[in-house]
Amino acid sequence: REDRRQRQMCKETGIEIIKPNLKGYEIDEKVRGYITNKGYPSYNHSTGHSIGEEAHNPGALIGTRESKLANLEIQKFGVYTIEPRIAINNGGSIEEMVYVTENGGVPLSRRQKELYLVK
């Protein structure tokens, strides 16, 4: 239960802080830092990416500063994913899609706050 709460909080942190003109790595560092400061290991993928005509459309990557695309700025009115991961047993991840406004990210769908078991 605590792990689920932590996963949700790091997503909310990413959605809350994404704003135009921030570089992708600035968002990644805050979200990834939140996770590692809670004692979880870092993850080996980006925190998010832009969405366009194709799933991973060239644009700002919400990833580590070493990535060229993570040094691009987040665009106002752009759509990005927020998908950090916390390594837990039987864990999974949810990819949230957000629309970027001057005031932060606006989720494009109703937020899933519970895990569902599909049989």
PDB file of N, CA and C in Angstrom:
ATOM      1  N   ARG A   1       0.827  -1.186   0.000  1.00  0.00           N
ATOM      2  CA  ARG A   1       0.000   0.000   0.000  1.00  0.00           C
ATOM      3  C   ARG A   1       0.874   1.252   0.000  1.00  0.00           C
ATOM      4  N   GLU A   2       1.908   1.272   0.830  1.00  0.00           N
ATOM      5  CA  GLU A   2       2.820   2.422   0.871  1.00  0.00           C
ATOM      6  C   GLU A   2       3.510   2.615  -0.475  1.00  0.00           C
ATOM      7  N   ASP A   3       3.923   1.501  -1.125  1.00  0.00           N
ATOM      8  CA  ASP A   3       4.564   1.597  -2.434  1.00  0.00           C
ATOM      9  C   ASP A   3       3.627   2.224  -3.459  1.00  0.00           C
ATOM     10  N   ARG A   4       2.356   1.829  -3.428  1.00  0.00           N
ATOM     11  CA  ARG A   4       1.373   2.407  -4.356  1.00  0.00           C
ATOM     12  C   ARG A   4       1.235   3.905  -4.125  1.00  0.00           C
ATOM     13  N   ARG A   5       1.192   4.306  -2.854  1.00  0.00           N
ATOM     14  CA  ARG A   5       1.063   5.720  -2.517  1.00  0.00           C
ATOM     15  C   ARG A   5       2.277   6.502  -3.016  1.00  0.00           C
ATOM     16  N   GLN A   6       3.470   5.936  -2.850  1.00  0.00           N
ATOM     17  CA  GLN A   6       4.687   6.596  -3.324  1.00  0.00           C
ATOM     18  C   GLN A   6       4.679   6.732  -4.842  1.00  0.00           C
ATOM     19  N   ARG A   7       4.240   5.683  -5.554  1.00  0.00           N
ATOM     20  CA  ARG A   7       4.165   5.740  -7.018  1.00  0.00           C
ATOM     21  C   ARG A   7       3.246   6.866  -7.458  1.00  0.00           C
ATOM     22  N   GLN A   8       2.090   6.958  -6.812  1.00  0.00           N
ATOM     23  CA  GLN A   8       1.122   7.994  -7.173  1.00  0.00           C
ATOM     24  C   GLN A   8       1.691   9.382  -6.890  1.00  0.00           C
ATOM     25  N   MET A   9       2.385   9.540  -5.755  1.00  0.00           N
ATOM     26  CA  MET A   9       2.942  10.848  -5.417  1.00  0.00           C
ATOM     27  C   MET A   9       3.991  11.295  -6.423  1.00  0.00           C
ATOM     28  N   CYS A  10       4.834  10.378  -6.907  1.00  0.00           N
ATOM     29  CA  CYS A  10       5.859  10.807  -7.854  1.00  0.00           C
ATOM     30  C   CYS A  10       5.226  11.197  -9.182  1.00  0.00           C
ATOM     31  N   LYS A  11       4.128  10.553  -9.582  1.00  0.00           N
ATOM     32  CA  LYS A  11       3.426  10.955 -10.796  1.00  0.00           C
ATOM     33  C   LYS A  11       2.822  12.344 -10.601  1.00  0.00           C
ATOM     34  N   GLU A  12       2.205  12.554  -9.448  1.00  0.00           N
ATOM     35  CA  GLU A  12       1.608  13.860  -9.194  1.00  0.00           C
ATOM     36  C   GLU A  12       2.678  14.938  -9.173  1.00  0.00           C
ATOM     37  N   THR A  13       3.839  14.618  -8.656  1.00  0.00           N
ATOM     38  CA  THR A  13       4.933  15.584  -8.661  1.00  0.00           C
ATOM     39  C   THR A  13       5.300  15.953 -10.089  1.00  0.00           C
ATOM     40  N   GLY A  14       5.397  14.981 -10.977  1.00  0.00           N
ATOM     41  CA  GLY A  14       5.726  15.265 -12.371  1.00  0.00           C
ATOM     42  C   GLY A  14       4.653  16.078 -13.056  1.00  0.00           C
ATOM     43  N   ILE A  15       3.399  15.720 -12.837  1.00  0.00           N
ATOM     44  CA  ILE A  15       2.290  16.445 -13.452  1.00  0.00           C
ATOM     45  C   ILE A  15       2.233  17.866 -12.910  1.00  0.00           C
ATOM     46  N   GLU A  16       2.483  18.008 -11.641  1.00  0.00           N
ATOM     47  CA  GLU A  16       2.414  19.314 -10.999  1.00  0.00           C
ATOM     48  C   GLU A  16       3.524  20.251 -11.477  1.00  0.00           C
ATOM     49  N   ILE A  17       4.710  19.728 -11.733  1.00  0.00           N
ATOM     50  CA  ILE A  17       5.845  20.610 -12.036  1.00  0.00           C
ATOM     51  C   ILE A  17       6.089  20.839 -13.513  1.00  0.00           C
ATOM     52  N   ILE A  18       5.478  20.042 -14.406  1.00  0.00           N
ATOM     53  CA  ILE A  18       5.740  20.234 -15.830  1.00  0.00           C
ATOM     54  C   ILE A  18       5.148  21.578 -16.275  1.00  0.00           C
ATOM     55  N   LYS A  19       5.993  22.384 -16.885  1.00  0.00           N
ATOM     56  CA  LYS A  19       5.571  23.706 -17.343  1.00  0.00           C
ATOM     57  C   LYS A  19       6.358  24.061 -18.600  1.00  0.00           C
ATOM     58  N   PRO A  20       5.814  24.958 -19.421  1.00  0.00           N
ATOM     59  CA  PRO A  20       6.544  25.378 -20.616  1.00  0.00           C
ATOM     60  C   PRO A  20       7.896  25.977 -20.254  1.00  0.00           C
ATOM     61  N   ASN A  21       8.838  25.801 -21.151  1.00  0.00           N
ATOM     62  CA  ASN A  21      10.186  26.365 -21.068  1.00  0.00           C
ATOM     63  C   ASN A  21      11.117  25.660 -20.089  1.00  0.00           C
ATOM     64  N   LEU A  22      10.610  24.744 -19.266  1.00  0.00           N
ATOM     65  CA  LEU A  22      11.524  23.921 -18.467  1.00  0.00           C
ATOM     66  C   LEU A  22      12.173  22.931 -19.414  1.00  0.00           C
ATOM     67  N   LYS A  23      13.392  22.580 -19.137  1.00  0.00           N
ATOM     68  CA  LYS A  23      14.042  21.538 -19.931  1.00  0.00           C
ATOM     69  C   LYS A  23      13.600  20.186 -19.393  1.00  0.00           C
ATOM     70  N   GLY A  24      13.545  19.205 -20.283  1.00  0.00           N
ATOM     71  CA  GLY A  24      13.094  17.876 -19.886  1.00  0.00           C
ATOM     72  C   GLY A  24      13.867  17.309 -18.719  1.00  0.00           C
ATOM     73  N   TYR A  25      15.187  17.517 -18.706  1.00  0.00           N
ATOM     74  CA  TYR A  25      15.992  16.951 -17.615  1.00  0.00           C
ATOM     75  C   TYR A  25      15.675  17.591 -16.275  1.00  0.00           C
ATOM     76  N   GLU A  26      15.193  18.835 -16.265  1.00  0.00           N
ATOM     77  CA  GLU A  26      14.855  19.493 -14.998  1.00  0.00           C
ATOM     78  C   GLU A  26      13.677  18.785 -14.323  1.00  0.00           C
ATOM     79  N   ILE A  27      12.725  18.355 -15.103  1.00  0.00           N
ATOM     80  CA  ILE A  27      11.581  17.614 -14.561  1.00  0.00           C
ATOM     81  C   ILE A  27      12.032  16.221 -14.126  1.00  0.00           C
ATOM     82  N   ASP A  28      12.807  15.561 -14.983  1.00  0.00           N
ATOM     83  CA  ASP A  28      13.309  14.225 -14.667  1.00  0.00           C
ATOM     84  C   ASP A  28      14.087  14.233 -13.352  1.00  0.00           C
ATOM     85  N   GLU A  29      14.962  15.208 -13.163  1.00  0.00           N
ATOM     86  CA  GLU A  29      15.779  15.254 -11.940  1.00  0.00           C
ATOM     87  C   GLU A  29      14.915  15.376 -10.697  1.00  0.00           C
ATOM     88  N   LYS A  30      13.849  16.170 -10.766  1.00  0.00           N
ATOM     89  CA  LYS A  30      12.989  16.338  -9.587  1.00  0.00           C
ATOM     90  C   LYS A  30      12.203  15.067  -9.285  1.00  0.00           C
ATOM     91  N   VAL A  31      11.618  14.468 -10.314  1.00  0.00           N
ATOM     92  CA  VAL A  31      10.822  13.250 -10.103  1.00  0.00           C
ATOM     93  C   VAL A  31      11.723  12.089  -9.686  1.00  0.00           C
ATOM     94  N   ARG A  32      12.825  11.901 -10.403  1.00  0.00           N
ATOM     95  CA  ARG A  32      13.762  10.817 -10.087  1.00  0.00           C
ATOM     96  C   ARG A  32      14.360  11.038  -8.694  1.00  0.00           C
ATOM     97  N   GLY A  33      14.671  12.285  -8.363  1.00  0.00           N
ATOM     98  CA  GLY A  33      15.203  12.606  -7.039  1.00  0.00           C
ATOM     99  C   GLY A  33      14.213  12.290  -5.931  1.00  0.00           C
ATOM    100  N   TYR A  34      12.951  12.541  -6.183  1.00  0.00           N
ATOM    101  CA  TYR A  34      11.914  12.215  -5.201  1.00  0.00           C
ATOM    102  C   TYR A  34      11.928  10.711  -4.911  1.00  0.00           C
ATOM    103  N   ILE A  35      12.018   9.925  -5.969  1.00  0.00           N
ATOM    104  CA  ILE A  35      12.003   8.465  -5.823  1.00  0.00           C
ATOM    105  C   ILE A  35      13.246   7.972  -5.088  1.00  0.00           C
ATOM    106  N   THR A  36      14.423   8.432  -5.505  1.00  0.00           N
ATOM    107  CA  THR A  36      15.654   7.954  -4.863  1.00  0.00           C
ATOM    108  C   THR A  36      15.786   8.468  -3.431  1.00  0.00           C
ATOM    109  N   ASN A  37      15.271   9.663  -3.149  1.00  0.00           N
ATOM    110  CA  ASN A  37      15.307  10.178  -1.776  1.00  0.00           C
ATOM    111  C   ASN A  37      14.426   9.369  -0.833  1.00  0.00           C
ATOM    112  N   LYS A  38      13.453   8.650  -1.383  1.00  0.00           N
ATOM    113  CA  LYS A  38      12.601   7.778  -0.567  1.00  0.00           C
ATOM    114  C   LYS A  38      13.221   6.392  -0.388  1.00  0.00           C
ATOM    115  N   GLY A  39      14.433   6.189  -0.959  1.00  0.00           N
ATOM    116  CA  GLY A  39      15.139   4.924  -0.771  1.00  0.00           C
ATOM    117  C   GLY A  39      14.965   3.916  -1.885  1.00  0.00           C
ATOM    118  N   TYR A  40      14.245   4.281  -2.934  1.00  0.00           N
ATOM    119  CA  TYR A  40      14.067   3.373  -4.072  1.00  0.00           C
ATOM    120  C   TYR A  40      15.204   3.583  -5.060  1.00  0.00           C
ATOM    121  N   PRO A  41      15.551   2.543  -5.829  1.00  0.00           N
ATOM    122  CA  PRO A  41      16.608   2.717  -6.828  1.00  0.00           C
ATOM    123  C   PRO A  41      16.117   3.568  -8.000  1.00  0.00           C
ATOM    124  N   SER A  42      17.059   4.179  -8.696  1.00  0.00           N
ATOM    125  CA  SER A  42      16.722   4.912  -9.910  1.00  0.00           C
ATOM    126  C   SER A  42      16.271   3.904 -10.963  1.00  0.00           C
ATOM    127  N   TYR A  43      15.643   4.380 -12.007  1.00  0.00           N
ATOM    128  CA  TYR A  43      15.174   3.499 -13.077  1.00  0.00           C
ATOM    129  C   TYR A  43      15.967   3.772 -14.344  1.00  0.00           C
ATOM    130  N   ASN A  44      15.992   2.795 -15.249  1.00  0.00           N
ATOM    131  CA  ASN A  44      16.858   2.893 -16.422  1.00  0.00           C
ATOM    132  C   ASN A  44      16.107   3.341 -17.680  1.00  0.00           C
ATOM    133  N   HIS A  45      15.164   4.233 -17.513  1.00  0.00           N
ATOM    134  CA  HIS A  45      14.438   4.788 -18.657  1.00  0.00           C
ATOM    135  C   HIS A  45      14.048   6.222 -18.340  1.00  0.00           C
ATOM    136  N   SER A  46      13.487   6.892 -19.290  1.00  0.00           N
ATOM    137  CA  SER A  46      13.081   8.283 -19.106  1.00  0.00           C
ATOM    138  C   SER A  46      11.836   8.384 -18.242  1.00  0.00           C
ATOM    139  N   THR A  47      11.648   9.534 -17.648  1.00  0.00           N
ATOM    140  CA  THR A  47      10.453   9.799 -16.855  1.00  0.00           C
ATOM    141  C   THR A  47       9.256  10.076 -17.755  1.00  0.00           C
ATOM    142  N   GLY A  48       9.500  10.481 -18.980  1.00  0.00           N
ATOM    143  CA  GLY A  48       8.395  10.743 -19.899  1.00  0.00           C
ATOM    144  C   GLY A  48       8.909  11.165 -21.262  1.00  0.00           C
ATOM    145  N   HIS A  49       7.983  11.413 -22.167  1.00  0.00           N
ATOM    146  CA  HIS A  49       8.346  11.806 -23.526  1.00  0.00           C
ATOM    147  C   HIS A  49       7.208  12.595 -24.160  1.00  0.00           C
ATOM    148  N   SER A  50       7.525  13.245 -25.260  1.00  0.00           N
ATOM    149  CA  SER A  50       6.510  13.998 -25.983  1.00  0.00           C
ATOM    150  C   SER A  50       5.619  13.040 -26.760  1.00  0.00           C
ATOM    151  N   ILE A  51       4.427  13.493 -27.065  1.00  0.00           N
ATOM    152  CA  ILE A  51       3.474  12.743 -27.880  1.00  0.00           C
ATOM    153  C   ILE A  51       3.156  13.607 -29.090  1.00  0.00           C
ATOM    154  N   GLY A  52       3.134  12.995 -30.245  1.00  0.00           N
ATOM    155  CA  GLY A  52       2.826  13.732 -31.457  1.00  0.00           C
ATOM    156  C   GLY A  52       2.176  12.827 -32.470  1.00  0.00           C
ATOM    157  N   GLU A  53       2.596  12.964 -33.706  1.00  0.00           N
ATOM    158  CA  GLU A  53       2.029  12.140 -34.775  1.00  0.00           C
ATOM    159  C   GLU A  53       2.373  10.672 -34.585  1.00  0.00           C
ATOM    160  N   GLU A  54       3.492  10.414 -33.903  1.00  0.00           N
ATOM    161  CA  GLU A  54       3.891   9.059 -33.545  1.00  0.00           C
ATOM    162  C   GLU A  54       4.058   9.038 -32.035  1.00  0.00           C
ATOM    163  N   ALA A  55       4.038   7.846 -31.445  1.00  0.00           N
ATOM    164  CA  ALA A  55       4.083   7.742 -29.983  1.00  0.00           C
ATOM    165  C   ALA A  55       5.270   8.465 -29.368  1.00  0.00           C
ATOM    166  N   HIS A  56       6.444   8.306 -29.946  1.00  0.00           N
ATOM    167  CA  HIS A  56       7.631   8.955 -29.410  1.00  0.00           C
ATOM    168  C   HIS A  56       8.103  10.006 -30.407  1.00  0.00           C
ATOM    169  N   ASN A  57       7.239  10.960 -30.679  1.00  0.00           N
ATOM    170  CA  ASN A  57       7.533  12.021 -31.629  1.00  0.00           C
ATOM    171  C   ASN A  57       8.770  12.794 -31.175  1.00  0.00           C
ATOM    172  N   PRO A  58       9.645  13.164 -32.098  1.00  0.00           N
ATOM    173  CA  PRO A  58      10.800  13.961 -31.675  1.00  0.00           C
ATOM    174  C   PRO A  58      10.334  15.234 -30.968  1.00  0.00           C
ATOM    175  N   GLY A  59      10.891  15.499 -29.876  1.00  0.00           N
ATOM    176  CA  GLY A  59      10.550  16.644 -29.041  1.00  0.00           C
ATOM    177  C   GLY A  59      11.266  16.457 -27.725  1.00  0.00           C
ATOM    178  N   ALA A  60      10.938  17.271 -26.772  1.00  0.00           N
ATOM    179  CA  ALA A  60      11.608  17.189 -25.477  1.00  0.00           C
ATOM    180  C   ALA A  60      11.352  15.829 -24.828  1.00  0.00           C
ATOM    181  N   LEU A  61      12.399  15.221 -24.374  1.00  0.00           N
ATOM    182  CA  LEU A  61      12.334  13.988 -23.606  1.00  0.00           C
ATOM    183  C   LEU A  61      12.432  14.377 -22.138  1.00  0.00           C
ATOM    184  N   ILE A  62      11.640  13.767 -21.296  1.00  0.00           N
ATOM    185  CA  ILE A  62      11.749  14.006 -19.859  1.00  0.00           C
ATOM    186  C   ILE A  62      12.665  12.912 -19.341  1.00  0.00           C
ATOM    187  N   GLY A  63      13.950  13.144 -19.518  1.00  0.00           N
ATOM    188  CA  GLY A  63      14.953  12.140 -19.199  1.00  0.00           C
ATOM    189  C   GLY A  63      16.193  12.777 -18.614  1.00  0.00           C
ATOM    190  N   THR A  64      17.233  11.983 -18.505  1.00  0.00           N
ATOM    191  CA  THR A  64      18.463  12.468 -17.879  1.00  0.00           C
ATOM    192  C   THR A  64      19.166  13.493 -18.755  1.00  0.00           C
ATOM    193  N   ARG A  65      19.917  14.326 -18.124  1.00  0.00           N
ATOM    194  CA  ARG A  65      20.570  15.454 -18.778  1.00  0.00           C
ATOM    195  C   ARG A  65      21.543  15.015 -19.877  1.00  0.00           C
ATOM    196  N   GLU A  66      21.990  13.767 -19.839  1.00  0.00           N
ATOM    197  CA  GLU A  66      22.905  13.265 -20.867  1.00  0.00           C
ATOM    198  C   GLU A  66      22.230  13.127 -22.238  1.00  0.00           C
ATOM    199  N   SER A  67      20.923  13.030 -22.253  1.00  0.00           N
ATOM    200  CA  SER A  67      20.194  12.892 -23.510  1.00  0.00           C
ATOM    201  C   SER A  67      20.051  14.252 -24.189  1.00  0.00           C
ATOM    202  N   LYS A  68      20.369  14.297 -25.473  1.00  0.00           N
ATOM    203  CA  LYS A  68      20.218  15.538 -26.236  1.00  0.00           C
ATOM    204  C   LYS A  68      18.780  16.052 -26.188  1.00  0.00           C
ATOM    205  N   LEU A  69      17.830  15.135 -26.337  1.00  0.00           N
ATOM    206  CA  LEU A  69      16.425  15.538 -26.357  1.00  0.00           C
ATOM    207  C   LEU A  69      15.945  16.043 -24.999  1.00  0.00           C
ATOM    208  N   ALA A  70      16.593  15.630 -23.913  1.00  0.00           N
ATOM    209  CA  ALA A  70      16.206  16.100 -22.577  1.00  0.00           C
ATOM    210  C   ALA A  70      16.685  17.522 -22.323  1.00  0.00           C
ATOM    211  N   ASN A  71      17.526  18.040 -23.212  1.00  0.00           N
ATOM    212  CA  ASN A  71      17.976  19.420 -23.091  1.00  0.00           C
ATOM    213  C   ASN A  71      17.077  20.375 -23.873  1.00  0.00           C
ATOM    214  N   LEU A  72      16.039  19.829 -24.510  1.00  0.00           N
ATOM    215  CA  LEU A  72      15.044  20.663 -25.190  1.00  0.00           C
ATOM    216  C   LEU A  72      14.016  21.136 -24.172  1.00  0.00           C
ATOM    217  N   GLU A  73      13.339  22.241 -24.501  1.00  0.00           N
ATOM    218  CA  GLU A  73      12.333  22.794 -23.595  1.00  0.00           C
ATOM    219  C   GLU A  73      10.964  22.156 -23.818  1.00  0.00           C
ATOM    220  N   ILE A  74      10.225  22.050 -22.731  1.00  0.00           N
ATOM    221  CA  ILE A  74       8.836  21.600 -22.777  1.00  0.00           C
ATOM    222  C   ILE A  74       8.032  22.708 -23.455  1.00  0.00           C
ATOM    223  N   GLN A  75       7.154  22.327 -24.360  1.00  0.00           N
ATOM    224  CA  GLN A  75       6.387  23.298 -25.132  1.00  0.00           C
ATOM    225  C   GLN A  75       4.998  23.524 -24.544  1.00  0.00           C
ATOM    226  N   LYS A  76       4.606  24.787 -24.470  1.00  0.00           N
ATOM    227  CA  LYS A  76       3.252  25.134 -24.059  1.00  0.00           C
ATOM    228  C   LYS A  76       2.284  24.518 -25.064  1.00  0.00           C
ATOM    229  N   PHE A  77       1.205  23.958 -24.576  1.00  0.00           N
ATOM    230  CA  PHE A  77       0.169  23.274 -25.347  1.00  0.00           C
ATOM    231  C   PHE A  77       0.638  21.931 -25.911  1.00  0.00           C
ATOM    232  N   GLY A  78       1.819  21.466 -25.490  1.00  0.00           N
ATOM    233  CA  GLY A  78       2.298  20.152 -25.901  1.00  0.00           C
ATOM    234  C   GLY A  78       1.665  19.063 -25.053  1.00  0.00           C
ATOM    235  N   VAL A  79       1.761  17.827 -25.538  1.00  0.00           N
ATOM    236  CA  VAL A  79       1.282  16.673 -24.785  1.00  0.00           C
ATOM    237  C   VAL A  79       2.488  15.781 -24.496  1.00  0.00           C
ATOM    238  N   TYR A  80       2.621  15.395 -23.234  1.00  0.00           N
ATOM    239  CA  TYR A  80       3.756  14.600 -22.769  1.00  0.00           C
ATOM    240  C   TYR A  80       3.249  13.491 -21.862  1.00  0.00           C
ATOM    241  N   THR A  81       4.065  12.453 -21.732  1.00  0.00           N
ATOM    242  CA  THR A  81       3.750  11.418 -20.753  1.00  0.00           C
ATOM    243  C   THR A  81       4.552  11.681 -19.481  1.00  0.00           C
ATOM    244  N   ILE A  82       4.020  11.214 -18.380  1.00  0.00           N
ATOM    245  CA  ILE A  82       4.741  11.156 -17.107  1.00  0.00           C
ATOM    246  C   ILE A  82       4.669   9.691 -16.700  1.00  0.00           C
ATOM    247  N   GLU A  83       5.821   9.022 -16.660  1.00  0.00           N
ATOM    248  CA  GLU A  83       5.819   7.580 -16.392  1.00  0.00           C
ATOM    249  C   GLU A  83       7.022   7.119 -15.581  1.00  0.00           C
ATOM    250  N   PRO A  84       7.212   7.698 -14.387  1.00  0.00           N
ATOM    251  CA  PRO A  84       8.306   7.207 -13.545  1.00  0.00           C
ATOM    252  C   PRO A  84       7.989   5.802 -13.048  1.00  0.00           C
ATOM    253  N   ARG A  85       8.968   5.132 -12.530  1.00  0.00           N
ATOM    254  CA  ARG A  85       8.761   3.762 -12.067  1.00  0.00           C
ATOM    255  C   ARG A  85       9.438   3.568 -10.719  1.00  0.00           C
ATOM    256  N   ILE A  86       8.768   2.841  -9.852  1.00  0.00           N
ATOM    257  CA  ILE A  86       9.360   2.432  -8.581  1.00  0.00           C
ATOM    258  C   ILE A  86       9.486   0.918  -8.625  1.00  0.00           C
ATOM    259  N   ALA A  87      10.683   0.422  -8.376  1.00  0.00           N
ATOM    260  CA  ALA A  87      10.939  -1.017  -8.438  1.00  0.00           C
ATOM    261  C   ALA A  87      10.397  -1.691  -7.179  1.00  0.00           C
ATOM    262  N   ILE A  88       9.300  -2.418  -7.336  1.00  0.00           N
ATOM    263  CA  ILE A  88       8.726  -3.196  -6.238  1.00  0.00           C
ATOM    264  C   ILE A  88       8.334  -4.559  -6.796  1.00  0.00           C
ATOM    265  N   ASN A  89       8.199  -5.542  -5.921  1.00  0.00           N
ATOM    266  CA  ASN A  89       7.766  -6.872  -6.356  1.00  0.00           C
ATOM    267  C   ASN A  89       6.399  -6.784  -7.017  1.00  0.00           C
ATOM    268  N   ASN A  90       6.251  -7.475  -8.128  1.00  0.00           N
ATOM    269  CA  ASN A  90       4.988  -7.501  -8.874  1.00  0.00           C
ATOM    270  C   ASN A  90       4.508  -6.102  -9.254  1.00  0.00           C
ATOM    271  N   GLY A  91       5.434  -5.177  -9.398  1.00  0.00           N
ATOM    272  CA  GLY A  91       5.070  -3.802  -9.710  1.00  0.00           C
ATOM    273  C   GLY A  91       4.729  -3.614 -11.177  1.00  0.00           C
ATOM    274  N   GLY A  92       4.181  -2.504 -11.461  1.00  0.00           N
ATOM    275  CA  GLY A  92       3.850  -2.121 -12.823  1.00  0.00           C
ATOM    276  C   GLY A  92       3.981  -0.614 -12.908  1.00  0.00           C
ATOM    277  N   SER A  93       3.596  -0.065 -14.018  1.00  0.00           N
ATOM    278  CA  SER A  93       3.617   1.387 -14.096  1.00  0.00           C
ATOM    279  C   SER A  93       2.438   1.854 -14.919  1.00  0.00           C
ATOM    280  N   ILE A  94       2.084   3.078 -14.731  1.00  0.00           N
ATOM    281  CA  ILE A  94       0.996   3.704 -15.464  1.00  0.00           C
ATOM    282  C   ILE A  94       1.586   4.900 -16.192  1.00  0.00           C
ATOM    283  N   GLU A  95       1.245   5.039 -17.434  1.00  0.00           N
ATOM    284  CA  GLU A  95       1.725   6.169 -18.226  1.00  0.00           C
ATOM    285  C   GLU A  95       0.615   7.211 -18.264  1.00  0.00           C
ATOM    286  N   GLU A  96       0.849   8.340 -17.619  1.00  0.00           N
ATOM    287  CA  GLU A  96      -0.124   9.433 -17.612  1.00  0.00           C
ATOM    288  C   GLU A  96       0.187  10.374 -18.768  1.00  0.00           C
ATOM    289  N   MET A  97      -0.832  10.766 -19.522  1.00  0.00           N
ATOM    290  CA  MET A  97      -0.637  11.743 -20.589  1.00  0.00           C
ATOM    291  C   MET A  97      -1.174  13.084 -20.093  1.00  0.00           C
ATOM    292  N   VAL A  98      -0.338  14.119 -20.250  1.00  0.00           N
ATOM    293  CA  VAL A  98      -0.715  15.441 -19.754  1.00  0.00           C
ATOM    294  C   VAL A  98      -0.586  16.493 -20.856  1.00  0.00           C
ATOM    295  N   TYR A  99      -1.483  17.444 -20.801  1.00  0.00           N
ATOM    296  CA  TYR A  99      -1.487  18.609 -21.679  1.00  0.00           C
ATOM    297  C   TYR A  99      -0.818  19.722 -20.890  1.00  0.00           C
ATOM    298  N   VAL A 100       0.167  20.393 -21.480  1.00  0.00           N
ATOM    299  CA  VAL A 100       0.953  21.382 -20.743  1.00  0.00           C
ATOM    300  C   VAL A 100       0.358  22.782 -20.883  1.00  0.00           C
ATOM    301  N   THR A 101       0.060  23.382 -19.736  1.00  0.00           N
ATOM    302  CA  THR A 101      -0.392  24.766 -19.691  1.00  0.00           C
ATOM    303  C   THR A 101       0.640  25.574 -18.907  1.00  0.00           C
ATOM    304  N   GLU A 102       0.450  26.882 -18.848  1.00  0.00           N
ATOM    305  CA  GLU A 102       1.366  27.712 -18.053  1.00  0.00           C
ATOM    306  C   GLU A 102       1.323  27.340 -16.581  1.00  0.00           C
ATOM    307  N   ASN A 103       0.210  26.755 -16.139  1.00  0.00           N
ATOM    308  CA  ASN A 103       0.029  26.425 -14.728  1.00  0.00           C
ATOM    309  C   ASN A 103       0.403  24.992 -14.386  1.00  0.00           C
ATOM    310  N   GLY A 104       0.891  24.231 -15.346  1.00  0.00           N
ATOM    311  CA  GLY A 104       1.277  22.848 -15.083  1.00  0.00           C
ATOM    312  C   GLY A 104       0.573  21.897 -16.013  1.00  0.00           C
ATOM    313  N   GLY A 105       0.712  20.613 -15.713  1.00  0.00           N
ATOM    314  CA  GLY A 105       0.126  19.583 -16.551  1.00  0.00           C
ATOM    315  C   GLY A 105      -1.320  19.304 -16.190  1.00  0.00           C
ATOM    316  N   VAL A 106      -2.122  19.083 -17.219  1.00  0.00           N
ATOM    317  CA  VAL A 106      -3.523  18.724 -17.036  1.00  0.00           C
ATOM    318  C   VAL A 106      -3.694  17.302 -17.580  1.00  0.00           C
ATOM    319  N   PRO A 107      -4.048  16.339 -16.730  1.00  0.00           N
ATOM    320  CA  PRO A 107      -4.231  14.965 -17.214  1.00  0.00           C
ATOM    321  C   PRO A 107      -5.292  14.906 -18.309  1.00  0.00           C
ATOM    322  N   LEU A 108      -5.045  14.090 -19.333  1.00  0.00           N
ATOM    323  CA  LEU A 108      -5.986  13.979 -20.451  1.00  0.00           C
ATOM    324  C   LEU A 108      -7.073  12.938 -20.225  1.00  0.00           C
ATOM    325  N   SER A 109      -6.978  12.186 -19.157  1.00  0.00           N
ATOM    326  CA  SER A 109      -8.020  11.219 -18.844  1.00  0.00           C
ATOM    327  C   SER A 109      -8.206  11.177 -17.333  1.00  0.00           C
ATOM    328  N   ARG A 110      -9.289  10.545 -16.934  1.00  0.00           N
ATOM    329  CA  ARG A 110      -9.544  10.399 -15.502  1.00  0.00           C
ATOM    330  C   ARG A 110      -8.391   9.610 -14.902  1.00  0.00           C
ATOM    331  N   ARG A 111      -7.876  10.074 -13.793  1.00  0.00           N
ATOM    332  CA  ARG A 111      -6.714   9.447 -13.169  1.00  0.00           C
ATOM    333  C   ARG A 111      -7.070   8.112 -12.562  1.00  0.00           C
ATOM    334  N   GLN A 112      -6.265   7.088 -12.841  1.00  0.00           N
ATOM    335  CA  GLN A 112      -6.442   5.785 -12.216  1.00  0.00           C
ATOM    336  C   GLN A 112      -5.711   5.809 -10.896  1.00  0.00           C
ATOM    337  N   LYS A 113      -6.437   5.600  -9.807  1.00  0.00           N
ATOM    338  CA  LYS A 113      -5.832   5.658  -8.481  1.00  0.00           C
ATOM    339  C   LYS A 113      -5.836   4.306  -7.779  1.00  0.00           C
ATOM    340  N   GLU A 114      -6.386   3.288  -8.444  1.00  0.00           N
ATOM    341  CA  GLU A 114      -6.414   1.940  -7.879  1.00  0.00           C
ATOM    342  C   GLU A 114      -5.892   0.974  -8.926  1.00  0.00           C
ATOM    343  N   LEU A 115      -5.357  -0.147  -8.451  1.00  0.00           N
ATOM    344  CA  LEU A 115      -4.931  -1.204  -9.366  1.00  0.00           C
ATOM    345  C   LEU A 115      -6.101  -2.156  -9.588  1.00  0.00           C
ATOM    346  N   TYR A 116      -6.266  -2.584 -10.824  1.00  0.00           N
ATOM    347  CA  TYR A 116      -7.353  -3.505 -11.153  1.00  0.00           C
ATOM    348  C   TYR A 116      -6.757  -4.861 -11.528  1.00  0.00           C
ATOM    349  N   LEU A 117      -7.374  -5.919 -11.045  1.00  0.00           N
ATOM    350  CA  LEU A 117      -6.964  -7.273 -11.386  1.00  0.00           C
ATOM    351  C   LEU A 117      -7.865  -7.780 -12.508  1.00  0.00           C
ATOM    352  N   VAL A 118      -7.267  -8.087 -13.630  1.00  0.00           N
ATOM    353  CA  VAL A 118      -8.026  -8.599 -14.769  1.00  0.00           C
ATOM    354  C   VAL A 118      -7.790 -10.095 -14.835  1.00  0.00           C
ATOM    355  N   LYS A 119      -8.856 -10.878 -14.790  1.00  0.00           N
ATOM    356  CA  LYS A 119      -8.749 -12.342 -14.817  1.00  0.00           C
ATOM    357  C   LYS A 119      -9.134 -12.875 -16.173  1.00  0.00           C
TER     358      LYS A 119
END
